[in-house]
Amino acid sequence: MSSAHDTKGTVRPESRNNTASNSIPASDSVDAAARRAFGSTTQYLQAELEASGSDLGLLEKLNDASITKYEGLSRQAQDMLVHAYKIKQTYNEMTLQIAQVDSLVESVDTLEHVAQELD
């Protein structure tokens, strides 16, 4: 029997080879599928790299904005320290003067009391 089928109706292995040779060669279809797969993978990886690049660009902008903000806060804090030092110096200078004023007030009170007793 020269047909591709045996007596039980199953296909013999040589018939499979004949059918495969009539269609696109297996190496060409695998090659085309591999090219498509690598092309898709390439596009995916390029998109991921672009997204990562965009994320890094945004992160850089956020870092720059944070640097600018914290530099401003640092200047304000330094200015506040200078003003606090000046206020402390002024307070220390005034403490002596306030003590002198308190002493004068006590002297005036004493003089008023003496004046009232003399009247």
PDB file of N, CA and C in Angstrom:
ATOM      1  N   MET A   1       0.851  -1.166   0.000  1.00  0.00           N
ATOM      2  CA  MET A   1       0.000   0.000   0.000  1.00  0.00           C
ATOM      3  C   MET A   1       0.889   1.218   0.000  1.00  0.00           C
ATOM      4  N   SER A   2       0.662   2.096  -0.972  1.00  0.00           N
ATOM      5  CA  SER A   2       1.530   3.248  -1.144  1.00  0.00           C
ATOM      6  C   SER A   2       0.951   4.500  -0.517  1.00  0.00           C
ATOM      7  N   SER A   3      -0.216   4.437   0.041  1.00  0.00           N
ATOM      8  CA  SER A   3      -0.826   5.618   0.637  1.00  0.00           C
ATOM      9  C   SER A   3      -0.148   5.935   1.955  1.00  0.00           C
ATOM     10  N   ALA A   4      -0.402   7.108   2.472  1.00  0.00           N
ATOM     11  CA  ALA A   4       0.210   7.557   3.713  1.00  0.00           C
ATOM     12  C   ALA A   4      -0.481   6.940   4.911  1.00  0.00           C
ATOM     13  N   HIS A   5      -1.580   6.240   4.694  1.00  0.00           N
ATOM     14  CA  HIS A   5      -2.322   5.641   5.790  1.00  0.00           C
ATOM     15  C   HIS A   5      -2.039   4.153   5.843  1.00  0.00           C
ATOM     16  N   ASP A   6      -1.971   3.598   7.040  1.00  0.00           N
ATOM     17  CA  ASP A   6      -1.825   2.157   7.158  1.00  0.00           C
ATOM     18  C   ASP A   6      -3.209   1.519   7.209  1.00  0.00           C
ATOM     19  N   THR A   7      -3.267   0.280   7.496  1.00  0.00           N
ATOM     20  CA  THR A   7      -4.542  -0.432   7.456  1.00  0.00           C
ATOM     21  C   THR A   7      -5.503   0.022   8.544  1.00  0.00           C
ATOM     22  N   LYS A   8      -5.014   0.601   9.617  1.00  0.00           N
ATOM     23  CA  LYS A   8      -5.893   1.042  10.701  1.00  0.00           C
ATOM     24  C   LYS A   8      -6.366   2.475  10.498  1.00  0.00           C
ATOM     25  N   GLY A   9      -5.890   3.162   9.500  1.00  0.00           N
ATOM     26  CA  GLY A   9      -6.329   4.520   9.210  1.00  0.00           C
ATOM     27  C   GLY A   9      -5.497   5.591   9.875  1.00  0.00           C
ATOM     28  N   THR A  10      -4.402   5.251  10.513  1.00  0.00           N
ATOM     29  CA  THR A  10      -3.553   6.260  11.141  1.00  0.00           C
ATOM     30  C   THR A  10      -2.542   6.755  10.142  1.00  0.00           C
ATOM     31  N   VAL A  11      -2.038   7.944  10.366  1.00  0.00           N
ATOM     32  CA  VAL A  11      -1.070   8.552   9.450  1.00  0.00           C
ATOM     33  C   VAL A  11       0.309   8.060   9.818  1.00  0.00           C
ATOM     34  N   ARG A  12       1.046   7.626   8.802  1.00  0.00           N
ATOM     35  CA  ARG A  12       2.412   7.170   9.029  1.00  0.00           C
ATOM     36  C   ARG A  12       3.354   8.355   9.094  1.00  0.00           C
ATOM     37  N   PRO A  13       4.479   8.235   9.795  1.00  0.00           N
ATOM     38  CA  PRO A  13       5.416   9.346   9.956  1.00  0.00           C
ATOM     39  C   PRO A  13       5.898   9.928   8.651  1.00  0.00           C
ATOM     40  N   GLU A  14       6.119   9.143   7.609  1.00  0.00           N
ATOM     41  CA  GLU A  14       6.610   9.721   6.364  1.00  0.00           C
ATOM     42  C   GLU A  14       5.605  10.657   5.736  1.00  0.00           C
ATOM     43  N   SER A  15       4.305  10.458   6.031  1.00  0.00           N
ATOM     44  CA  SER A  15       3.289  11.339   5.470  1.00  0.00           C
ATOM     45  C   SER A  15       3.341  12.706   6.147  1.00  0.00           C
ATOM     46  N   ARG A  16       3.746  12.740   7.406  1.00  0.00           N
ATOM     47  CA  ARG A  16       3.874  14.019   8.098  1.00  0.00           C
ATOM     48  C   ARG A  16       4.980  14.838   7.463  1.00  0.00           C
ATOM     49  N   ASN A  17       6.053  14.230   7.154  1.00  0.00           N
ATOM     50  CA  ASN A  17       7.156  14.940   6.508  1.00  0.00           C
ATOM     51  C   ASN A  17       6.737  15.480   5.158  1.00  0.00           C
ATOM     52  N   ASN A  18       5.952  14.733   4.437  1.00  0.00           N
ATOM     53  CA  ASN A  18       5.484  15.183   3.129  1.00  0.00           C
ATOM     54  C   ASN A  18       4.571  16.392   3.286  1.00  0.00           C
ATOM     55  N   THR A  19       3.710  16.385   4.287  1.00  0.00           N
ATOM     56  CA  THR A  19       2.793  17.498   4.477  1.00  0.00           C
ATOM     57  C   THR A  19       3.574  18.730   4.917  1.00  0.00           C
ATOM     58  N   ALA A  20       4.572  18.584   5.778  1.00  0.00           N
ATOM     59  CA  ALA A  20       5.358  19.711   6.240  1.00  0.00           C
ATOM     60  C   ALA A  20       6.153  20.304   5.107  1.00  0.00           C
ATOM     61  N   SER A  21       6.594  19.482   4.164  1.00  0.00           N
ATOM     62  CA  SER A  21       7.391  20.010   3.059  1.00  0.00           C
ATOM     63  C   SER A  21       6.533  20.794   2.093  1.00  0.00           C
ATOM     64  N   ASN A  22       5.228  20.561   2.081  1.00  0.00           N
ATOM     65  CA  ASN A  22       4.337  21.300   1.200  1.00  0.00           C
ATOM     66  C   ASN A  22       4.050  22.697   1.751  1.00  0.00           C
ATOM     67  N   SER A  23       4.133  22.904   3.072  1.00  0.00           N
ATOM     68  CA  SER A  23       3.869  24.208   3.670  1.00  0.00           C
ATOM     69  C   SER A  23       5.188  24.967   3.837  1.00  0.00           C
ATOM     70  N   ILE A  24       5.145  26.063   4.622  1.00  0.00           N
ATOM     71  CA  ILE A  24       6.340  26.889   4.870  1.00  0.00           C
ATOM     72  C   ILE A  24       7.353  26.039   5.619  1.00  0.00           C
ATOM     73  N   PRO A  25       8.602  26.103   5.235  1.00  0.00           N
ATOM     74  CA  PRO A  25       9.618  25.321   5.949  1.00  0.00           C
ATOM     75  C   PRO A  25       9.629  25.717   7.423  1.00  0.00           C
ATOM     76  N   ALA A  26       9.834  24.748   8.294  1.00  0.00           N
ATOM     77  CA  ALA A  26       9.782  24.960   9.734  1.00  0.00           C
ATOM     78  C   ALA A  26      10.792  26.000  10.181  1.00  0.00           C
ATOM     79  N   SER A  27      11.981  26.000   9.617  1.00  0.00           N
ATOM     80  CA  SER A  27      13.006  26.964  10.032  1.00  0.00           C
ATOM     81  C   SER A  27      12.589  28.387   9.693  1.00  0.00           C
ATOM     82  N   ASP A  28      11.885  28.590   8.559  1.00  0.00           N
ATOM     83  CA  ASP A  28      11.421  29.935   8.201  1.00  0.00           C
ATOM     84  C   ASP A  28      10.344  30.421   9.163  1.00  0.00           C
ATOM     85  N   SER A  29       9.404  29.559   9.536  1.00  0.00           N
ATOM     86  CA  SER A  29       8.336  29.983  10.424  1.00  0.00           C
ATOM     87  C   SER A  29       8.881  30.246  11.833  1.00  0.00           C
ATOM     88  N   VAL A  30       9.829  29.436  12.279  1.00  0.00           N
ATOM     89  CA  VAL A  30      10.448  29.668  13.583  1.00  0.00           C
ATOM     90  C   VAL A  30      11.242  30.966  13.551  1.00  0.00           C
ATOM     91  N   ASP A  31      11.946  31.188  12.455  1.00  0.00           N
ATOM     92  CA  ASP A  31      12.733  32.409  12.309  1.00  0.00           C
ATOM     93  C   ASP A  31      11.822  33.646  12.335  1.00  0.00           C
ATOM     94  N   ALA A  32      10.712  33.577  11.625  1.00  0.00           N
ATOM     95  CA  ALA A  32       9.780  34.706  11.592  1.00  0.00           C
ATOM     96  C   ALA A  32       9.156  34.930  12.969  1.00  0.00           C
ATOM     97  N   ALA A  33       8.801  33.847  13.639  1.00  0.00           N
ATOM     98  CA  ALA A  33       8.218  33.968  14.977  1.00  0.00           C
ATOM     99  C   ALA A  33       9.241  34.548  15.952  1.00  0.00           C
ATOM    100  N   ALA A  34      10.482  34.122  15.834  1.00  0.00           N
ATOM    101  CA  ALA A  34      11.537  34.642  16.709  1.00  0.00           C
ATOM    102  C   ALA A  34      11.754  36.128  16.453  1.00  0.00           C
ATOM    103  N   ARG A  35      11.728  36.514  15.173  1.00  0.00           N
ATOM    104  CA  ARG A  35      11.901  37.942  14.840  1.00  0.00           C
ATOM    105  C   ARG A  35      10.760  38.773  15.426  1.00  0.00           C
ATOM    106  N   ARG A  36       9.526  38.254  15.301  1.00  0.00           N
ATOM    107  CA  ARG A  36       8.388  38.979  15.877  1.00  0.00           C
ATOM    108  C   ARG A  36       8.515  39.067  17.400  1.00  0.00           C
ATOM    109  N   ALA A  37       8.908  37.972  18.012  1.00  0.00           N
ATOM    110  CA  ALA A  37       9.059  37.950  19.472  1.00  0.00           C
ATOM    111  C   ALA A  37      10.136  38.933  19.917  1.00  0.00           C
ATOM    112  N   PHE A  38      11.280  38.911  19.236  1.00  0.00           N
ATOM    113  CA  PHE A  38      12.350  39.841  19.593  1.00  0.00           C
ATOM    114  C   PHE A  38      11.951  41.280  19.296  1.00  0.00           C
ATOM    115  N   GLY A  39      11.205  41.494  18.217  1.00  0.00           N
ATOM    116  CA  GLY A  39      10.724  42.838  17.900  1.00  0.00           C
ATOM    117  C   GLY A  39       9.780  43.355  18.976  1.00  0.00           C
ATOM    118  N   SER A  40       8.854  42.495  19.404  1.00  0.00           N
ATOM    119  CA  SER A  40       7.922  42.879  20.469  1.00  0.00           C
ATOM    120  C   SER A  40       8.657  43.136  21.774  1.00  0.00           C
ATOM    121  N   THR A  41       9.610  42.264  22.069  1.00  0.00           N
ATOM    122  CA  THR A  41      10.395  42.451  23.293  1.00  0.00           C
ATOM    123  C   THR A  41      11.186  43.741  23.230  1.00  0.00           C
ATOM    124  N   THR A  42      11.738  44.053  22.077  1.00  0.00           N
ATOM    125  CA  THR A  42      12.488  45.293  21.897  1.00  0.00           C
ATOM    126  C   THR A  42      11.590  46.500  22.138  1.00  0.00           C
ATOM    127  N   GLN A  43      10.399  46.477  21.551  1.00  0.00           N
ATOM    128  CA  GLN A  43       9.464  47.586  21.747  1.00  0.00           C
ATOM    129  C   GLN A  43       9.077  47.728  23.213  1.00  0.00           C
ATOM    130  N   TYR A  44       8.822  46.607  23.861  1.00  0.00           N
ATOM    131  CA  TYR A  44       8.463  46.631  25.278  1.00  0.00           C
ATOM    132  C   TYR A  44       9.592  47.225  26.108  1.00  0.00           C
ATOM    133  N   LEU A  45      10.816  46.747  25.878  1.00  0.00           N
ATOM    134  CA  LEU A  45      11.953  47.252  26.654  1.00  0.00           C
ATOM    135  C   LEU A  45      12.205  48.728  26.380  1.00  0.00           C
ATOM    136  N   GLN A  46      12.031  49.165  25.129  1.00  0.00           N
ATOM    137  CA  GLN A  46      12.200  50.590  24.814  1.00  0.00           C
ATOM    138  C   GLN A  46      11.149  51.417  25.550  1.00  0.00           C
ATOM    139  N   ALA A  47       9.922  50.936  25.585  1.00  0.00           N
ATOM    140  CA  ALA A  47       8.865  51.658  26.298  1.00  0.00           C
ATOM    141  C   ALA A  47       9.168  51.715  27.795  1.00  0.00           C
ATOM    142  N   GLU A  48       9.657  50.620  28.350  1.00  0.00           N
ATOM    143  CA  GLU A  48      10.019  50.602  29.766  1.00  0.00           C
ATOM    144  C   GLU A  48      11.159  51.571  30.056  1.00  0.00           C
ATOM    145  N   LEU A  49      12.152  51.596  29.182  1.00  0.00           N
ATOM    146  CA  LEU A  49      13.277  52.520  29.359  1.00  0.00           C
ATOM    147  C   LEU A  49      12.822  53.970  29.260  1.00  0.00           C
ATOM    148  N   GLU A  50      11.935  54.258  28.317  1.00  0.00           N
ATOM    149  CA  GLU A  50      11.411  55.619  28.188  1.00  0.00           C
ATOM    150  C   GLU A  50      10.614  56.008  29.431  1.00  0.00           C
ATOM    151  N   ALA A  51       9.805  55.072  29.943  1.00  0.00           N
ATOM    152  CA  ALA A  51       9.026  55.357  31.149  1.00  0.00           C
ATOM    153  C   ALA A  51       9.956  55.582  32.338  1.00  0.00           C
ATOM    154  N   SER A  52      10.994  54.749  32.441  1.00  0.00           N
ATOM    155  CA  SER A  52      11.960  54.926  33.535  1.00  0.00           C
ATOM    156  C   SER A  52      12.689  56.256  33.391  1.00  0.00           C
ATOM    157  N   GLY A  53      13.034  56.615  32.165  1.00  0.00           N
ATOM    158  CA  GLY A  53      13.687  57.905  31.925  1.00  0.00           C
ATOM    159  C   GLY A  53      12.782  59.062  32.319  1.00  0.00           C
ATOM    160  N   SER A  54      11.502  58.949  31.990  1.00  0.00           N
ATOM    161  CA  SER A  54      10.538  59.991  32.378  1.00  0.00           C
ATOM    162  C   SER A  54      10.418  60.076  33.895  1.00  0.00           C
ATOM    163  N   ASP A  55      10.364  58.903  34.537  1.00  0.00           N
ATOM    164  CA  ASP A  55      10.287  58.885  36.007  1.00  0.00           C
ATOM    165  C   ASP A  55      11.521  59.529  36.620  1.00  0.00           C
ATOM    166  N   LEU A  56      12.689  59.213  36.078  1.00  0.00           N
ATOM    167  CA  LEU A  56      13.926  59.798  36.604  1.00  0.00           C
ATOM    168  C   LEU A  56      13.967  61.306  36.373  1.00  0.00           C
ATOM    169  N   GLY A  57      13.460  61.747  35.219  1.00  0.00           N
ATOM    170  CA  GLY A  57      13.397  63.187  34.950  1.00  0.00           C
ATOM    171  C   GLY A  57      12.491  63.894  35.943  1.00  0.00           C
ATOM    172  N   LEU A  58      11.344  63.285  36.220  1.00  0.00           N
ATOM    173  CA  LEU A  58      10.417  63.862  37.198  1.00  0.00           C
ATOM    174  C   LEU A  58      11.043  63.874  38.585  1.00  0.00           C
ATOM    175  N   LEU A  59      11.712  62.798  38.941  1.00  0.00           N
ATOM    176  CA  LEU A  59      12.383  62.733  40.236  1.00  0.00           C
ATOM    177  C   LEU A  59      13.464  63.800  40.361  1.00  0.00           C
ATOM    178  N   GLU A  60      14.177  64.040  39.273  1.00  0.00           N
ATOM    179  CA  GLU A  60      15.212  65.088  39.276  1.00  0.00           C
ATOM    180  C   GLU A  60      14.581  66.462  39.496  1.00  0.00           C
ATOM    181  N   LYS A  61      13.447  66.717  38.840  1.00  0.00           N
ATOM    182  CA  LYS A  61      12.763  67.992  39.020  1.00  0.00           C
ATOM    183  C   LYS A  61      12.270  68.150  40.458  1.00  0.00           C
ATOM    184  N   LEU A  62      11.739  67.071  41.025  1.00  0.00           N
ATOM    185  CA  LEU A  62      11.285  67.116  42.423  1.00  0.00           C
ATOM    186  C   LEU A  62      12.457  67.377  43.360  1.00  0.00           C
ATOM    187  N   ASN A  63      13.588  66.737  43.100  1.00  0.00           N
ATOM    188  CA  ASN A  63      14.775  66.961  43.928  1.00  0.00           C
ATOM    189  C   ASN A  63      15.246  68.410  43.823  1.00  0.00           C
ATOM    190  N   ASP A  64      15.249  68.953  42.612  1.00  0.00           N
ATOM    191  CA  ASP A  64      15.661  70.350  42.431  1.00  0.00           C
ATOM    192  C   ASP A  64      14.716  71.289  43.177  1.00  0.00           C
ATOM    193  N   ALA A  65      13.411  71.013  43.091  1.00  0.00           N
ATOM    194  CA  ALA A  65      12.436  71.855  43.801  1.00  0.00           C
ATOM    195  C   ALA A  65      12.637  71.741  45.311  1.00  0.00           C
ATOM    196  N   SER A  66      12.916  70.529  45.784  1.00  0.00           N
ATOM    197  CA  SER A  66      13.161  70.338  47.223  1.00  0.00           C
ATOM    198  C   SER A  66      14.415  71.079  47.669  1.00  0.00           C
ATOM    199  N   ILE A  67      15.449  71.022  46.854  1.00  0.00           N
ATOM    200  CA  ILE A  67      16.701  71.723  47.181  1.00  0.00           C
ATOM    201  C   ILE A  67      16.429  73.216  47.307  1.00  0.00           C
ATOM    202  N   THR A  68      15.714  73.776  46.343  1.00  0.00           N
ATOM    203  CA  THR A  68      15.395  75.199  46.368  1.00  0.00           C
ATOM    204  C   THR A  68      14.581  75.551  47.614  1.00  0.00           C
ATOM    205  N   LYS A  69      13.594  74.720  47.926  1.00  0.00           N
ATOM    206  CA  LYS A  69      12.739  74.979  49.088  1.00  0.00           C
ATOM    207  C   LYS A  69      13.547  74.921  50.383  1.00  0.00           C
ATOM    208  N   TYR A  70      14.384  73.895  50.524  1.00  0.00           N
ATOM    209  CA  TYR A  70      15.156  73.743  51.759  1.00  0.00           C
ATOM    210  C   TYR A  70      16.268  74.782  51.873  1.00  0.00           C
ATOM    211  N   GLU A  71      16.780  75.253  50.749  1.00  0.00           N
ATOM    212  CA  GLU A  71      17.758  76.353  50.814  1.00  0.00           C
ATOM    213  C   GLU A  71      17.076  77.606  51.359  1.00  0.00           C
ATOM    214  N   GLY A  72      15.853  77.859  50.899  1.00  0.00           N
ATOM    215  CA  GLY A  72      15.094  79.003  51.409  1.00  0.00           C
ATOM    216  C   GLY A  72      14.797  78.865  52.889  1.00  0.00           C
ATOM    217  N   LEU A  73      14.392  77.671  53.312  1.00  0.00           N
ATOM    218  CA  LEU A  73      14.127  77.438  54.734  1.00  0.00           C
ATOM    219  C   LEU A  73      15.403  77.584  55.559  1.00  0.00           C
ATOM    220  N   SER A  74      16.523  77.151  55.006  1.00  0.00           N
ATOM    221  CA  SER A  74      17.800  77.274  55.715  1.00  0.00           C
ATOM    222  C   SER A  74      18.165  78.742  55.912  1.00  0.00           C
ATOM    223  N   ARG A  75      17.982  79.544  54.856  1.00  0.00           N
ATOM    224  CA  ARG A  75      18.256  80.989  54.977  1.00  0.00           C
ATOM    225  C   ARG A  75      17.356  81.621  56.031  1.00  0.00           C
ATOM    226  N   GLN A  76      16.078  81.241  56.023  1.00  0.00           N
ATOM    227  CA  GLN A  76      15.150  81.792  57.007  1.00  0.00           C
ATOM    228  C   GLN A  76      15.569  81.404  58.428  1.00  0.00           C
ATOM    229  N   ALA A  77      15.975  80.165  58.613  1.00  0.00           N
ATOM    230  CA  ALA A  77      16.402  79.709  59.939  1.00  0.00           C
ATOM    231  C   ALA A  77      17.656  80.461  60.393  1.00  0.00           C
ATOM    232  N   GLN A  78      18.586  80.677  59.472  1.00  0.00           N
ATOM    233  CA  GLN A  78      19.803  81.427  59.817  1.00  0.00           C
ATOM    234  C   GLN A  78      19.457  82.866  60.184  1.00  0.00           C
ATOM    235  N   ASP A  79      18.559  83.473  59.420  1.00  0.00           N
ATOM    236  CA  ASP A  79      18.120  84.837  59.739  1.00  0.00           C
ATOM    237  C   ASP A  79      17.446  84.879  61.110  1.00  0.00           C
ATOM    238  N   MET A  80      16.639  83.872  61.410  1.00  0.00           N
ATOM    239  CA  MET A  80      15.972  83.830  62.712  1.00  0.00           C
ATOM    240  C   MET A  80      16.986  83.684  63.844  1.00  0.00           C
ATOM    241  N   LEU A  81      18.043  82.910  63.618  1.00  0.00           N
ATOM    242  CA  LEU A  81      19.085  82.776  64.640  1.00  0.00           C
ATOM    243  C   LEU A  81      19.780  84.111  64.896  1.00  0.00           C
ATOM    244  N   VAL A  82      20.038  84.844  63.822  1.00  0.00           N
ATOM    245  CA  VAL A  82      20.673  86.162  63.969  1.00  0.00           C
ATOM    246  C   VAL A  82      19.761  87.087  64.762  1.00  0.00           C
ATOM    247  N   HIS A  83      18.478  87.099  64.419  1.00  0.00           N
ATOM    248  CA  HIS A  83      17.524  87.959  65.124  1.00  0.00           C
ATOM    249  C   HIS A  83      17.369  87.521  66.584  1.00  0.00           C
ATOM    250  N   ALA A  84      17.341  86.215  66.824  1.00  0.00           N
ATOM    251  CA  ALA A  84      17.229  85.725  68.197  1.00  0.00           C
ATOM    252  C   ALA A  84      18.447  86.146  69.016  1.00  0.00           C
ATOM    253  N   TYR A  85      19.626  86.123  68.424  1.00  0.00           N
ATOM    254  CA  TYR A  85      20.842  86.551  69.122  1.00  0.00           C
ATOM    255  C   TYR A  85      20.766  88.041  69.463  1.00  0.00           C
ATOM    256  N   LYS A  86      20.292  88.843  68.490  1.00  0.00           N
ATOM    257  CA  LYS A  86      20.156  90.281  68.736  1.00  0.00           C
ATOM    258  C   LYS A  86      19.135  90.549  69.842  1.00  0.00           C
ATOM    259  N   ILE A  87      18.036  89.811  69.834  1.00  0.00           N
ATOM    260  CA  ILE A  87      17.015  89.988  70.874  1.00  0.00           C
ATOM    261  C   ILE A  87      17.588  89.619  72.238  1.00  0.00           C
ATOM    262  N   LYS A  88      18.354  88.541  72.287  1.00  0.00           N
ATOM    263  CA  LYS A  88      18.959  88.126  73.560  1.00  0.00           C
ATOM    264  C   LYS A  88      19.934  89.187  74.064  1.00  0.00           C
ATOM    265  N   GLN A  89      20.732  89.743  73.151  1.00  0.00           N
ATOM    266  CA  GLN A  89      21.662  90.809  73.555  1.00  0.00           C
ATOM    267  C   GLN A  89      20.887  92.011  74.084  1.00  0.00           C
ATOM    268  N   THR A  90      19.843  92.405  73.371  1.00  0.00           N
ATOM    269  CA  THR A  90      19.028  93.539  73.794  1.00  0.00           C
ATOM    270  C   THR A  90      18.405  93.266  75.159  1.00  0.00           C
ATOM    271  N   TYR A  91      17.904  92.056  75.367  1.00  0.00           N
ATOM    272  CA  TYR A  91      17.306  91.692  76.651  1.00  0.00           C
ATOM    273  C   TYR A  91      18.347  91.769  77.765  1.00  0.00           C
ATOM    274  N   ASN A  92      19.555  91.234  77.492  1.00  0.00           N
ATOM    275  CA  ASN A  92      20.616  91.291  78.509  1.00  0.00           C
ATOM    276  C   ASN A  92      20.988  92.734  78.842  1.00  0.00           C
ATOM    277  N   GLU A  93      21.039  93.604  77.835  1.00  0.00           N
ATOM    278  CA  GLU A  93      21.328  95.021  78.073  1.00  0.00           C
ATOM    279  C   GLU A  93      20.194  95.668  78.855  1.00  0.00           C
ATOM    280  N   MET A  94      18.982  95.317  78.536  1.00  0.00           N
ATOM    281  CA  MET A  94      17.827  95.920  79.207  1.00  0.00           C
ATOM    282  C   MET A  94      17.664  95.412  80.636  1.00  0.00           C
ATOM    283  N   THR A  95      18.135  94.198  80.906  1.00  0.00           N
ATOM    284  CA  THR A  95      18.010  93.645  82.253  1.00  0.00           C
ATOM    285  C   THR A  95      18.700  94.553  83.263  1.00  0.00           C
ATOM    286  N   LEU A  96      19.877  95.032  82.945  1.00  0.00           N
ATOM    287  CA  LEU A  96      20.605  95.951  83.824  1.00  0.00           C
ATOM    288  C   LEU A  96      19.819  97.254  83.994  1.00  0.00           C
ATOM    289  N   GLN A  97      19.308  97.786  82.884  1.00  0.00           N
ATOM    290  CA  GLN A  97      18.548  99.030  82.945  1.00  0.00           C
ATOM    291  C   GLN A  97      17.233  98.849  83.713  1.00  0.00           C
ATOM    292  N   ILE A  98      16.597  97.716  83.552  1.00  0.00           N
ATOM    293  CA  ILE A  98      15.351  97.449  84.281  1.00  0.00           C
ATOM    294  C   ILE A  98      15.635  97.368  85.779  1.00  0.00           C
ATOM    295  N   ALA A  99      16.743  96.739  86.123  1.00  0.00           N
ATOM    296  CA  ALA A  99      17.125  96.661  87.541  1.00  0.00           C
ATOM    297  C   ALA A  99      17.350  98.069  88.098  1.00  0.00           C
ATOM    298  N   GLN A 100      17.990  98.956  87.302  1.00  0.00           N
ATOM    299  CA  GLN A 100      18.210 100.335  87.744  1.00  0.00           C
ATOM    300  C   GLN A 100      16.881 101.069  87.895  1.00  0.00           C
ATOM    301  N   VAL A 101      15.947 100.851  86.964  1.00  0.00           N
ATOM    302  CA  VAL A 101      14.627 101.484  87.046  1.00  0.00           C
ATOM    303  C   VAL A 101      13.900 100.991  88.293  1.00  0.00           C
ATOM    304  N   ASP A 102      13.967  99.693  88.555  1.00  0.00           N
ATOM    305  CA  ASP A 102      13.332  99.149  89.766  1.00  0.00           C
ATOM    306  C   ASP A 102      13.917  99.783  91.031  1.00  0.00           C
ATOM    307  N   SER A 103      15.224  99.984  91.029  1.00  0.00           N
ATOM    308  CA  SER A 103      15.880 100.615  92.171  1.00  0.00           C
ATOM    309  C   SER A 103      15.400 102.056  92.324  1.00  0.00           C
ATOM    310  N   LEU A 104      15.263 102.771  91.211  1.00  0.00           N
ATOM    311  CA  LEU A 104      14.755 104.147  91.254  1.00  0.00           C
ATOM    312  C   LEU A 104      13.322 104.187  91.767  1.00  0.00           C
ATOM    313  N   VAL A 105      12.501 103.236  91.329  1.00  0.00           N
ATOM    314  CA  VAL A 105      11.106 103.191  91.764  1.00  0.00           C
ATOM    315  C   VAL A 105      11.053 102.980  93.274  1.00  0.00           C
ATOM    316  N   GLU A 106      11.893 102.092  93.786  1.00  0.00           N
ATOM    317  CA  GLU A 106      11.924 101.864  95.230  1.00  0.00           C
ATOM    318  C   GLU A 106      12.362 103.126  95.971  1.00  0.00           C
ATOM    319  N   SER A 107      13.342 103.848  95.405  1.00  0.00           N
ATOM    320  CA  SER A 107      13.801 105.091  96.034  1.00  0.00           C
ATOM    321  C   SER A 107      12.695 106.129  96.024  1.00  0.00           C
ATOM    322  N   VAL A 108      11.980 106.250  94.933  1.00  0.00           N
ATOM    323  CA  VAL A 108      10.883 107.218  94.844  1.00  0.00           C
ATOM    324  C   VAL A 108       9.795 106.845  95.836  1.00  0.00           C
ATOM    325  N   ASP A 109       9.476 105.559  95.921  1.00  0.00           N
ATOM    326  CA  ASP A 109       8.459 105.114  96.895  1.00  0.00           C
ATOM    327  C   ASP A 109       8.894 105.459  98.322  1.00  0.00           C
ATOM    328  N   THR A 110      10.156 105.263  98.600  1.00  0.00           N
ATOM    329  CA  THR A 110      10.673 105.584  99.936  1.00  0.00           C
ATOM    330  C   THR A 110      10.581 107.079 100.186  1.00  0.00           C
ATOM    331  N   LEU A 111      10.949 107.894  99.202  1.00  0.00           N
ATOM    332  CA  LEU A 111      10.874 109.345  99.344  1.00  0.00           C
ATOM    333  C   LEU A 111       9.420 109.789  99.526  1.00  0.00           C
ATOM    334  N   GLU A 112       8.490 109.206  98.780  1.00  0.00           N
ATOM    335  CA  GLU A 112       7.070 109.561  98.921  1.00  0.00           C
ATOM    336  C   GLU A 112       6.594 109.205 100.329  1.00  0.00           C
ATOM    337  N   HIS A 113       7.017 108.081 100.828  1.00  0.00           N
ATOM    338  CA  HIS A 113       6.610 107.664 102.182  1.00  0.00           C
ATOM    339  C   HIS A 113       7.169 108.631 103.228  1.00  0.00           C
ATOM    340  N   VAL A 114       8.417 109.027 103.060  1.00  0.00           N
ATOM    341  CA  VAL A 114       9.043 109.995 103.983  1.00  0.00           C
ATOM    342  C   VAL A 114       8.332 111.332 103.879  1.00  0.00           C
ATOM    343  N   ALA A 115       7.993 111.764 102.665  1.00  0.00           N
ATOM    344  CA  ALA A 115       7.308 113.040 102.461  1.00  0.00           C
ATOM    345  C   ALA A 115       5.943 113.015 103.121  1.00  0.00           C
ATOM    346  N   GLN A 116       5.241 111.903 103.044  1.00  0.00           N
ATOM    347  CA  GLN A 116       3.919 111.792 103.669  1.00  0.00           C
ATOM    348  C   GLN A 116       4.060 111.854 105.202  1.00  0.00           C
ATOM    349  N   GLU A 117       5.096 111.270 105.742  1.00  0.00           N
ATOM    350  CA  GLU A 117       5.292 111.291 107.173  1.00  0.00           C
ATOM    351  C   GLU A 117       5.640 112.701 107.661  1.00  0.00           C
ATOM    352  N   LEU A 118       6.349 113.461 106.844  1.00  0.00           N
ATOM    353  CA  LEU A 118       6.705 114.827 107.218  1.00  0.00           C
ATOM    354  C   LEU A 118       5.503 115.754 107.174  1.00  0.00           C
ATOM    355  N   ASP A 119       4.548 115.477 106.397  1.00  0.00           N
ATOM    356  CA  ASP A 119       3.360 116.351 106.307  1.00  0.00           C
ATOM    357  C   ASP A 119       2.513 116.162 107.459  1.00  0.00           C
TER     358      ASP A 119
END
